[in-house]
PDB file of N, CA and C in Angstrom:
ATOM      1  N   MET A   1      26.087   5.140   9.634  1.00  0.00           N
ATOM      2  CA  MET A   1      25.068   6.021  10.566  1.00  0.00           C
ATOM      3  C   MET A   1      24.787   4.813  11.355  1.00  0.00           C
ATOM      4  N   SER A   2      24.180   5.093  12.223  1.00  0.00           N
ATOM      5  CA  SER A   2      23.877   4.380  13.867  1.00  0.00           C
ATOM      6  C   SER A   2      22.478   5.090  14.254  1.00  0.00           C
ATOM      7  N   ILE A   3      21.957   4.141  15.145  1.00  0.00           N
ATOM      8  CA  ILE A   3      20.834   4.193  15.113  1.00  0.00           C
ATOM      9  C   ILE A   3      20.765   4.233  16.880  1.00  0.00           C
ATOM     10  N   THR A   4      20.426   4.950  17.485  1.00  0.00           N
ATOM     11  CA  THR A   4      20.264   4.765  19.315  1.00  0.00           C
ATOM     12  C   THR A   4      18.504   4.515  19.768  1.00  0.00           C
ATOM     13  N   ARG A   5      18.609   3.884  21.069  1.00  0.00           N
ATOM     14  CA  ARG A   5      17.865   3.936  22.009  1.00  0.00           C
ATOM     15  C   ARG A   5      16.616   5.483  21.980  1.00  0.00           C
ATOM     16  N   LYS A   6      17.574   6.154  22.084  1.00  0.00           N
ATOM     17  CA  LYS A   6      16.883   7.595  21.827  1.00  0.00           C
ATOM     18  C   LYS A   6      16.365   7.445  20.590  1.00  0.00           C
ATOM     19  N   ASP A   7      16.492   7.506  19.761  1.00  0.00           N
ATOM     20  CA  ASP A   7      15.957   7.210  18.091  1.00  0.00           C
ATOM     21  C   ASP A   7      14.786   6.906  18.215  1.00  0.00           C
ATOM     22  N   VAL A   8      14.482   5.528  18.479  1.00  0.00           N
ATOM     23  CA  VAL A   8      13.878   5.256  18.685  1.00  0.00           C
ATOM     24  C   VAL A   8      12.039   5.695  19.230  1.00  0.00           C
ATOM     25  N   GLU A   9      13.085   5.898  20.964  1.00  0.00           N
ATOM     26  CA  GLU A   9      11.811   6.597  21.122  1.00  0.00           C
ATOM     27  C   GLU A   9      11.212   7.816  21.061  1.00  0.00           C
ATOM     28  N   TYR A  10      11.961   8.772  20.590  1.00  0.00           N
ATOM     29  CA  TYR A  10      11.744   9.982  19.660  1.00  0.00           C
ATOM     30  C   TYR A  10      10.555   9.863  18.376  1.00  0.00           C
ATOM     31  N   VAL A  11      11.354   8.794  17.570  1.00  0.00           N
ATOM     32  CA  VAL A  11       9.925   7.979  16.858  1.00  0.00           C
ATOM     33  C   VAL A  11       8.655   7.763  17.274  1.00  0.00           C
ATOM     34  N   ALA A  12       8.562   6.843  17.842  1.00  0.00           N
ATOM     35  CA  ALA A  12       7.321   5.854  18.928  1.00  0.00           C
ATOM     36  C   ALA A  12       6.346   7.420  19.243  1.00  0.00           C
ATOM     37  N   ASN A  13       7.401   8.318  19.815  1.00  0.00           N
ATOM     38  CA  ASN A  13       6.648   9.290  20.662  1.00  0.00           C
ATOM     39  C   ASN A  13       5.567   9.979  19.239  1.00  0.00           C
ATOM     40  N   LEU A  14       6.637  10.497  17.890  1.00  0.00           N
ATOM     41  CA  LEU A  14       6.240  11.190  16.930  1.00  0.00           C
ATOM     42  C   LEU A  14       4.814  10.275  16.284  1.00  0.00           C
ATOM     43  N   ALA A  15       5.171   8.762  16.086  1.00  0.00           N
ATOM     44  CA  ALA A  15       3.992   8.042  15.920  1.00  0.00           C
ATOM     45  C   ALA A  15       2.635   7.643  17.159  1.00  0.00           C
ATOM     46  N   ARG A  16       2.954   8.354  18.039  1.00  0.00           N
ATOM     47  CA  ARG A  16       2.264   7.770  19.189  1.00  0.00           C
ATOM     48  C   ARG A  16       1.790   6.394  19.966  1.00  0.00           C
ATOM     49  N   LEU A  17       2.918   5.910  20.062  1.00  0.00           N
ATOM     50  CA  LEU A  17       3.497   4.448  19.868  1.00  0.00           C
ATOM     51  C   LEU A  17       3.327   4.260  21.271  1.00  0.00           C
ATOM     52  N   GLN A  18       3.593   3.447  22.183  1.00  0.00           N
ATOM     53  CA  GLN A  18       3.696   2.927  23.416  1.00  0.00           C
ATOM     54  C   GLN A  18       4.534   1.638  23.435  1.00  0.00           C
ATOM     55  N   LEU A  19       5.870   1.405  22.959  1.00  0.00           N
ATOM     56  CA  LEU A  19       7.102   0.776  23.184  1.00  0.00           C
ATOM     57  C   LEU A  19       7.093   0.037  24.899  1.00  0.00           C
ATOM     58  N   SER A  20       6.982  -1.001  25.220  1.00  0.00           N
ATOM     59  CA  SER A  20       7.692  -1.285  26.186  1.00  0.00           C
ATOM     60  C   SER A  20       9.334  -1.186  25.805  1.00  0.00           C
ATOM     61  N   GLU A  21      10.240  -1.766  27.329  1.00  0.00           N
ATOM     62  CA  GLU A  21      11.516  -1.758  26.927  1.00  0.00           C
ATOM     63  C   GLU A  21      12.367  -2.963  26.311  1.00  0.00           C
ATOM     64  N   GLN A  22      11.420  -3.929  26.289  1.00  0.00           N
ATOM     65  CA  GLN A  22      12.168  -5.186  25.567  1.00  0.00           C
ATOM     66  C   GLN A  22      11.584  -4.496  24.316  1.00  0.00           C
ATOM     67  N   GLU A  23      10.934  -4.445  23.537  1.00  0.00           N
ATOM     68  CA  GLU A  23      10.793  -3.365  22.360  1.00  0.00           C
ATOM     69  C   GLU A  23      11.437  -2.502  21.434  1.00  0.00           C
ATOM     70  N   LYS A  24      11.807  -1.611  22.442  1.00  0.00           N
ATOM     71  CA  LYS A  24      12.654  -0.647  22.425  1.00  0.00           C
ATOM     72  C   LYS A  24      14.086  -1.044  21.786  1.00  0.00           C
ATOM     73  N   ASP A  25      14.555  -2.564  22.840  1.00  0.00           N
ATOM     74  CA  ASP A  25      15.859  -2.703  22.716  1.00  0.00           C
ATOM     75  C   ASP A  25      15.505  -3.212  20.917  1.00  0.00           C
ATOM     76  N   THR A  26      14.199  -4.161  20.945  1.00  0.00           N
ATOM     77  CA  THR A  26      14.483  -4.843  19.696  1.00  0.00           C
ATOM     78  C   THR A  26      14.474  -3.941  18.745  1.00  0.00           C
ATOM     79  N   TYR A  27      13.583  -2.900  18.401  1.00  0.00           N
ATOM     80  CA  TYR A  27      13.549  -2.200  17.234  1.00  0.00           C
ATOM     81  C   TYR A  27      14.787  -1.437  17.173  1.00  0.00           C
ATOM     82  N   THR A  28      15.610  -1.142  18.470  1.00  0.00           N
ATOM     83  CA  THR A  28      16.726  -0.722  18.081  1.00  0.00           C
ATOM     84  C   THR A  28      17.516  -1.562  17.524  1.00  0.00           C
ATOM     85  N   GLY A  29      18.036  -2.484  17.621  1.00  0.00           N
ATOM     86  CA  GLY A  29      19.045  -4.039  16.777  1.00  0.00           C
ATOM     87  C   GLY A  29      18.337  -4.069  15.719  1.00  0.00           C
ATOM     88  N   GLN A  30      16.931  -3.949  15.251  1.00  0.00           N
ATOM     89  CA  GLN A  30      16.378  -3.771  13.710  1.00  0.00           C
ATOM     90  C   GLN A  30      16.655  -2.874  13.064  1.00  0.00           C
ATOM     91  N   LEU A  31      16.396  -2.363  13.395  1.00  0.00           N
ATOM     92  CA  LEU A  31      17.010  -0.566  12.979  1.00  0.00           C
ATOM     93  C   LEU A  31      18.086  -0.475  12.484  1.00  0.00           C
ATOM     94  N   GLU A  32      19.378  -0.699  13.503  1.00  0.00           N
ATOM     95  CA  GLU A  32      20.395  -0.572  13.268  1.00  0.00           C
ATOM     96  C   GLU A  32      21.128  -1.489  12.287  1.00  0.00           C
ATOM     97  N   ASN A  33      20.563  -3.299  12.273  1.00  0.00           N
ATOM     98  CA  ASN A  33      20.860  -4.261  11.075  1.00  0.00           C
ATOM     99  C   ASN A  33      20.427  -3.105   9.409  1.00  0.00           C
ATOM    100  N   ILE A  34      19.000  -2.771   9.527  1.00  0.00           N
ATOM    101  CA  ILE A  34      18.663  -2.556   8.532  1.00  0.00           C
ATOM    102  C   ILE A  34      19.228  -0.824   7.931  1.00  0.00           C
ATOM    103  N   LEU A  35      20.057  -0.414   8.795  1.00  0.00           N
ATOM    104  CA  LEU A  35      21.145   0.962   8.051  1.00  0.00           C
ATOM    105  C   LEU A  35      21.936   0.311   7.635  1.00  0.00           C
ATOM    106  N   LYS A  36      22.702  -0.469   8.646  1.00  0.00           N
ATOM    107  CA  LYS A  36      23.970  -1.711   8.067  1.00  0.00           C
ATOM    108  C   LYS A  36      23.877  -2.006   6.974  1.00  0.00           C
ATOM    109  N   TYR A  37      22.484  -2.710   6.705  1.00  0.00           N
ATOM    110  CA  TYR A  37      22.223  -3.420   4.993  1.00  0.00           C
ATOM    111  C   TYR A  37      22.485  -2.091   3.991  1.00  0.00           C
ATOM    112  N   MET A  38      21.804  -0.812   4.450  1.00  0.00           N
ATOM    113  CA  MET A  38      21.561   0.114   3.397  1.00  0.00           C
ATOM    114  C   MET A  38      23.254   0.793   3.605  1.00  0.00           C
ATOM    115  N   ASP A  39      24.315   0.692   4.429  1.00  0.00           N
ATOM    116  CA  ASP A  39      25.572   1.560   4.168  1.00  0.00           C
ATOM    117  C   ASP A  39      26.130   0.203   2.979  1.00  0.00           C
ATOM    118  N   THR A  40      26.018  -1.126   2.942  1.00  0.00           N
ATOM    119  CA  THR A  40      26.317  -1.728   2.599  1.00  0.00           C
ATOM    120  C   THR A  40      25.698  -1.630   0.789  1.00  0.00           C
ATOM    121  N   LEU A  41      24.721  -1.718   0.461  1.00  0.00           N
ATOM    122  CA  LEU A  41      23.834  -0.991  -0.559  1.00  0.00           C
ATOM    123  C   LEU A  41      24.611   0.154  -1.510  1.00  0.00           C
ATOM    124  N   GLN A  42      25.426   1.129  -0.162  1.00  0.00           N
ATOM    125  CA  GLN A  42      25.583   2.473  -0.918  1.00  0.00           C
ATOM    126  C   GLN A  42      26.898   2.092  -1.927  1.00  0.00           C
ATOM    127  N   LYS A  43      27.625   1.156  -1.660  1.00  0.00           N
ATOM    128  CA  LYS A  43      28.313   0.339  -1.651  1.00  0.00           C
ATOM    129  C   LYS A  43      28.707   0.263  -2.762  1.00  0.00           C
ATOM    130  N   VAL A  44      28.192  -0.527  -3.150  1.00  0.00           N
ATOM    131  CA  VAL A  44      27.671  -1.239  -4.726  1.00  0.00           C
ATOM    132  C   VAL A  44      27.694  -0.405  -5.642  1.00  0.00           C
ATOM    133  N   ASP A  45      28.262  -1.028  -7.051  1.00  0.00           N
ATOM    134  CA  ASP A  45      28.935   0.231  -8.026  1.00  0.00           C
ATOM    135  C   ASP A  45      27.476  -0.056  -9.361  1.00  0.00           C
ATOM    136  N   THR A  46      27.151   1.238  -9.044  1.00  0.00           N
ATOM    137  CA  THR A  46      25.633   1.118 -10.051  1.00  0.00           C
ATOM    138  C   THR A  46      25.998   1.909 -11.112  1.00  0.00           C
ATOM    139  N   SER A  47      26.849   2.480 -11.521  1.00  0.00           N
ATOM    140  CA  SER A  47      27.033   3.459 -12.640  1.00  0.00           C
ATOM    141  C   SER A  47      26.555   3.227 -13.657  1.00  0.00           C
ATOM    142  N   GLY A  48      26.490   1.519 -14.071  1.00  0.00           N
ATOM    143  CA  GLY A  48      26.419   1.085 -15.393  1.00  0.00           C
ATOM    144  C   GLY A  48      25.119   1.426 -15.333  1.00  0.00           C
ATOM    145  N   VAL A  49      24.214   1.182 -14.354  1.00  0.00           N
ATOM    146  CA  VAL A  49      22.543   0.948 -14.258  1.00  0.00           C
ATOM    147  C   VAL A  49      21.856   1.839 -14.743  1.00  0.00           C
ATOM    148  N   ALA A  50      20.825   1.910 -15.589  1.00  0.00           N
ATOM    149  CA  ALA A  50      19.803   2.519 -15.933  1.00  0.00           C
ATOM    150  C   ALA A  50      19.104   3.249 -14.840  1.00  0.00           C
ATOM    151  N   PRO A  51      18.321   4.270 -14.547  1.00  0.00           N
ATOM    152  CA  PRO A  51      17.054   4.567 -13.631  1.00  0.00           C
ATOM    153  C   PRO A  51      16.237   3.912 -13.582  1.00  0.00           C
ATOM    154  N   THR A  52      15.755   3.651 -13.309  1.00  0.00           N
ATOM    155  CA  THR A  52      14.121   2.942 -13.526  1.00  0.00           C
ATOM    156  C   THR A  52      13.351   3.499 -11.862  1.00  0.00           C
ATOM    157  N   SER A  53      12.209   3.576 -12.800  1.00  0.00           N
ATOM    158  CA  SER A  53      11.315   3.479 -11.031  1.00  0.00           C
ATOM    159  C   SER A  53      10.558   2.176 -10.693  1.00  0.00           C
ATOM    160  N   VAL A  54      10.500   1.288 -11.310  1.00  0.00           N
ATOM    161  CA  VAL A  54      10.415   0.006 -11.702  1.00  0.00           C
ATOM    162  C   VAL A  54      11.206  -1.575 -11.293  1.00  0.00           C
ATOM    163  N   ALA A  55      11.218  -2.306 -10.577  1.00  0.00           N
ATOM    164  CA  ALA A  55      12.040  -3.307 -10.743  1.00  0.00           C
ATOM    165  C   ALA A  55      11.820  -4.410 -12.228  1.00  0.00           C
ATOM    166  N   VAL A  56      10.890  -4.418 -12.288  1.00  0.00           N
ATOM    167  CA  VAL A  56      11.068  -5.463 -13.344  1.00  0.00           C
ATOM    168  C   VAL A  56       9.935  -5.193 -14.769  1.00  0.00           C
ATOM    169  N   ARG A  57      10.111  -5.661 -15.661  1.00  0.00           N
ATOM    170  CA  ARG A  57       9.195  -4.930 -16.639  1.00  0.00           C
ATOM    171  C   ARG A  57       7.953  -5.318 -16.617  1.00  0.00           C
ATOM    172  N   THR A  58       6.981  -3.776 -16.785  1.00  0.00           N
ATOM    173  CA  THR A  58       5.495  -4.192 -17.002  1.00  0.00           C
ATOM    174  C   THR A  58       4.984  -3.646 -18.303  1.00  0.00           C
ATOM    175  N   ASP A  59       4.431  -4.670 -18.549  1.00  0.00           N
ATOM    176  CA  ASP A  59       3.540  -4.144 -20.648  1.00  0.00           C
ATOM    177  C   ASP A  59       2.107  -3.503 -19.454  1.00  0.00           C
ATOM    178  N   ASN A  60       1.840  -2.725 -20.377  1.00  0.00           N
ATOM    179  CA  ASN A  60       0.429  -1.947 -20.279  1.00  0.00           C
ATOM    180  C   ASN A  60      -0.717  -3.587 -20.063  1.00  0.00           C
ATOM    181  N   CYS A  61      -1.648  -4.132 -19.037  1.00  0.00           N
ATOM    182  CA  CYS A  61      -2.265  -5.403 -19.420  1.00  0.00           C
ATOM    183  C   CYS A  61      -4.142  -4.386 -19.395  1.00  0.00           C
ATOM    184  N   TRP A  62      -4.432  -3.194 -19.535  1.00  0.00           N
ATOM    185  CA  TRP A  62      -5.476  -3.027 -19.745  1.00  0.00           C
ATOM    186  C   TRP A  62      -6.040  -3.450 -21.753  1.00  0.00           C
ATOM    187  N   ARG A  63      -7.505  -3.347 -21.493  1.00  0.00           N
ATOM    188  CA  ARG A  63      -8.130  -3.609 -22.238  1.00  0.00           C
ATOM    189  C   ARG A  63      -9.265  -2.928 -22.693  1.00  0.00           C
ATOM    190  N   GLU A  64      -9.801  -2.679 -23.583  1.00  0.00           N
ATOM    191  CA  GLU A  64     -10.462  -1.430 -24.284  1.00  0.00           C
ATOM    192  C   GLU A  64     -11.754  -1.594 -23.920  1.00  0.00           C
ATOM    193  N   ASP A  65     -12.703  -0.475 -22.953  1.00  0.00           N
ATOM    194  CA  ASP A  65     -13.741  -0.777 -22.721  1.00  0.00           C
ATOM    195  C   ASP A  65     -15.094  -1.745 -23.222  1.00  0.00           C
ATOM    196  N   GLU A  66     -15.400  -1.793 -23.289  1.00  0.00           N
ATOM    197  CA  GLU A  66     -16.324  -2.969 -24.138  1.00  0.00           C
ATOM    198  C   GLU A  66     -18.107  -2.566 -23.084  1.00  0.00           C
ATOM    199  N   ALA A  67     -18.916  -2.231 -23.945  1.00  0.00           N
ATOM    200  CA  ALA A  67     -20.132  -2.505 -23.623  1.00  0.00           C
ATOM    201  C   ALA A  67     -20.960  -4.026 -23.812  1.00  0.00           C
ATOM    202  N   VAL A  68     -21.283  -4.708 -22.406  1.00  0.00           N
ATOM    203  CA  VAL A  68     -21.622  -5.691 -22.722  1.00  0.00           C
ATOM    204  C   VAL A  68     -23.044  -6.242 -22.396  1.00  0.00           C
ATOM    205  N   ARG A  69     -23.897  -6.338 -22.534  1.00  0.00           N
ATOM    206  CA  ARG A  69     -25.490  -6.620 -21.889  1.00  0.00           C
ATOM    207  C   ARG A  69     -25.155  -7.856 -21.236  1.00  0.00           C
ATOM    208  N   TYR A  70     -25.353  -8.221 -20.188  1.00  0.00           N
ATOM    209  CA  TYR A  70     -25.089  -9.431 -18.739  1.00  0.00           C
ATOM    210  C   TYR A  70     -26.837 -10.131 -19.198  1.00  0.00           C
ATOM    211  N   GLU A  71     -26.718 -10.927 -19.716  1.00  0.00           N
ATOM    212  CA  GLU A  71     -27.870 -11.673 -20.066  1.00  0.00           C
ATOM    213  C   GLU A  71     -28.630 -12.122 -18.801  1.00  0.00           C
ATOM    214  N   GLU A  72     -28.185 -12.464 -17.758  1.00  0.00           N
ATOM    215  CA  GLU A  72     -28.885 -12.833 -16.046  1.00  0.00           C
ATOM    216  C   GLU A  72     -29.447 -11.707 -15.719  1.00  0.00           C
ATOM    217  N   SER A  73     -29.838  -9.951 -16.306  1.00  0.00           N
ATOM    218  CA  SER A  73     -29.489  -8.762 -15.342  1.00  0.00           C
ATOM    219  C   SER A  73     -31.122  -8.941 -14.708  1.00  0.00           C
ATOM    220  N   ALA A  74     -31.407  -9.728 -14.896  1.00  0.00           N
ATOM    221  CA  ALA A  74     -32.848 -10.406 -14.246  1.00  0.00           C
ATOM    222  C   ALA A  74     -32.582 -10.551 -13.013  1.00  0.00           C
ATOM    223  N   LEU A  75     -31.954 -11.700 -13.059  1.00  0.00           N
ATOM    224  CA  LEU A  75     -31.754 -11.981 -11.659  1.00  0.00           C
ATOM    225  C   LEU A  75     -31.160 -11.385 -10.690  1.00  0.00           C
ATOM    226  N   ILE A  76     -30.489 -10.547 -11.257  1.00  0.00           N
ATOM    227  CA  ILE A  76     -29.806  -8.989 -10.328  1.00  0.00           C
ATOM    228  C   ILE A  76     -30.942  -8.428  -9.640  1.00  0.00           C
ATOM    229  N   MET A  77     -31.349  -7.638 -10.992  1.00  0.00           N
ATOM    230  CA  MET A  77     -32.580  -6.924 -10.285  1.00  0.00           C
ATOM    231  C   MET A  77     -33.458  -6.815  -9.600  1.00  0.00           C
ATOM    232  N   ASN A  78     -33.769  -9.049  -9.508  1.00  0.00           N
ATOM    233  CA  ASN A  78     -34.341  -9.508  -8.133  1.00  0.00           C
ATOM    234  C   ASN A  78     -34.064  -9.132  -7.173  1.00  0.00           C
ATOM    235  N   ASN A  79     -33.239  -8.582  -6.900  1.00  0.00           N
ATOM    236  CA  ASN A  79     -32.310  -8.690  -5.354  1.00  0.00           C
ATOM    237  C   ASN A  79     -32.137  -6.920  -4.791  1.00  0.00           C
ATOM    238  N   ALA A  80     -32.583  -6.469  -5.710  1.00  0.00           N
ATOM    239  CA  ALA A  80     -33.262  -4.833  -5.594  1.00  0.00           C
ATOM    240  C   ALA A  80     -34.125  -4.503  -4.714  1.00  0.00           C
ATOM    241  N   PRO A  81     -33.667  -4.088  -3.396  1.00  0.00           N
ATOM    242  CA  PRO A  81     -34.621  -3.542  -2.845  1.00  0.00           C
ATOM    243  C   PRO A  81     -36.166  -2.849  -3.759  1.00  0.00           C
ATOM    244  N   GLU A  82     -35.296  -1.476  -4.724  1.00  0.00           N
ATOM    245  CA  GLU A  82     -36.431  -0.796  -5.461  1.00  0.00           C
ATOM    246  C   GLU A  82     -35.447  -0.233  -6.436  1.00  0.00           C
ATOM    247  N   GLN A  83     -36.485  -0.773  -8.011  1.00  0.00           N
ATOM    248  CA  GLN A  83     -35.741  -0.436  -9.559  1.00  0.00           C
ATOM    249  C   GLN A  83     -37.091   0.696  -9.804  1.00  0.00           C
ATOM    250  N   GLU A  84     -35.747   1.231 -10.941  1.00  0.00           N
ATOM    251  CA  GLU A  84     -36.774   1.888 -11.722  1.00  0.00           C
ATOM    252  C   GLU A  84     -36.278   1.857 -13.262  1.00  0.00           C
ATOM    253  N   GLU A  85     -36.836   0.928 -14.225  1.00  0.00           N
ATOM    254  CA  GLU A  85     -36.471   1.263 -15.274  1.00  0.00           C
ATOM    255  C   GLU A  85     -35.308   0.509 -15.842  1.00  0.00           C
ATOM    256  N   GLY A  86     -35.162  -0.512 -14.746  1.00  0.00           N
ATOM    257  CA  GLY A  86     -34.397  -1.350 -15.138  1.00  0.00           C
ATOM    258  C   GLY A  86     -33.447  -0.601 -14.558  1.00  0.00           C
ATOM    259  N   LEU A  87     -32.919   0.375 -13.557  1.00  0.00           N
ATOM    260  CA  LEU A  87     -32.015   0.397 -12.640  1.00  0.00           C
ATOM    261  C   LEU A  87     -32.056   0.333 -11.693  1.00  0.00           C
ATOM    262  N   PHE A  88     -31.292   0.386 -10.231  1.00  0.00           N
ATOM    263  CA  PHE A  88     -31.210   0.271  -9.344  1.00  0.00           C
ATOM    264  C   PHE A  88     -31.854   1.602  -9.224  1.00  0.00           C
ATOM    265  N   LYS A  89     -32.546   1.660  -7.935  1.00  0.00           N
ATOM    266  CA  LYS A  89     -32.551   3.409  -7.038  1.00  0.00           C
ATOM    267  C   LYS A  89     -32.726   3.250  -5.867  1.00  0.00           C
ATOM    268  N   VAL A  90     -32.126   4.064  -5.724  1.00  0.00           N
ATOM    269  CA  VAL A  90     -31.500   4.143  -4.297  1.00  0.00           C
ATOM    270  C   VAL A  90     -32.113   5.487  -3.705  1.00  0.00           C
ATOM    271  N   LYS A  91     -31.668   6.171  -2.536  1.00  0.00           N
ATOM    272  CA  LYS A  91     -32.222   6.880  -1.344  1.00  0.00           C
ATOM    273  C   LYS A  91     -30.967   8.159  -2.237  1.00  0.00           C
ATOM    274  N   LYS A  92     -30.909   8.684  -2.000  1.00  0.00           N
ATOM    275  CA  LYS A  92     -30.398  10.165  -1.665  1.00  0.00           C
ATOM    276  C   LYS A  92     -29.302  10.705  -0.669  1.00  0.00           C
ATOM    277  N   ILE A  93     -28.349  10.213  -0.878  1.00  0.00           N
ATOM    278  CA  ILE A  93     -27.464  10.654   0.311  1.00  0.00           C
ATOM    279  C   ILE A  93     -26.889  12.117   0.559  1.00  0.00           C
ATOM    280  N   ILE A  94     -26.785  12.773  -0.571  1.00  0.00           N
ATOM    281  CA  ILE A  94     -25.985  13.921  -0.077  1.00  0.00           C
ATOM    282  C   ILE A  94     -27.342  14.872  -0.534  1.00  0.00           C
ATOM    283  N   GLY A  95     -27.480  16.231   0.657  1.00  0.00           N
ATOM    284  CA  GLY A  95     -28.231  16.725   1.346  1.00  0.00           C
ATOM    285  C   GLY A  95     -28.295  18.498   0.336  1.00  0.00           C
TER     286      GLY A  95
END
């Protein structure tokens, strides 16, 4: 598959991009190189490779939620413009 300057102009128009003549030439060459590389990858035999959604193994790194009392909460509350019963008080923003 190859890409033409006309293809680049079409996509730029869809994306509402104004490209200079030099940028059109540059992007045409860069996209052509990407497509050539994709053609190379298509030739690789992957018949023995299991499908995967990620390239590296991942483990669940989440921990259980645990409520912990913050000892310095008074320092934080001193910065609150308004507070009520130890909580930040904010103005209603939904009408």
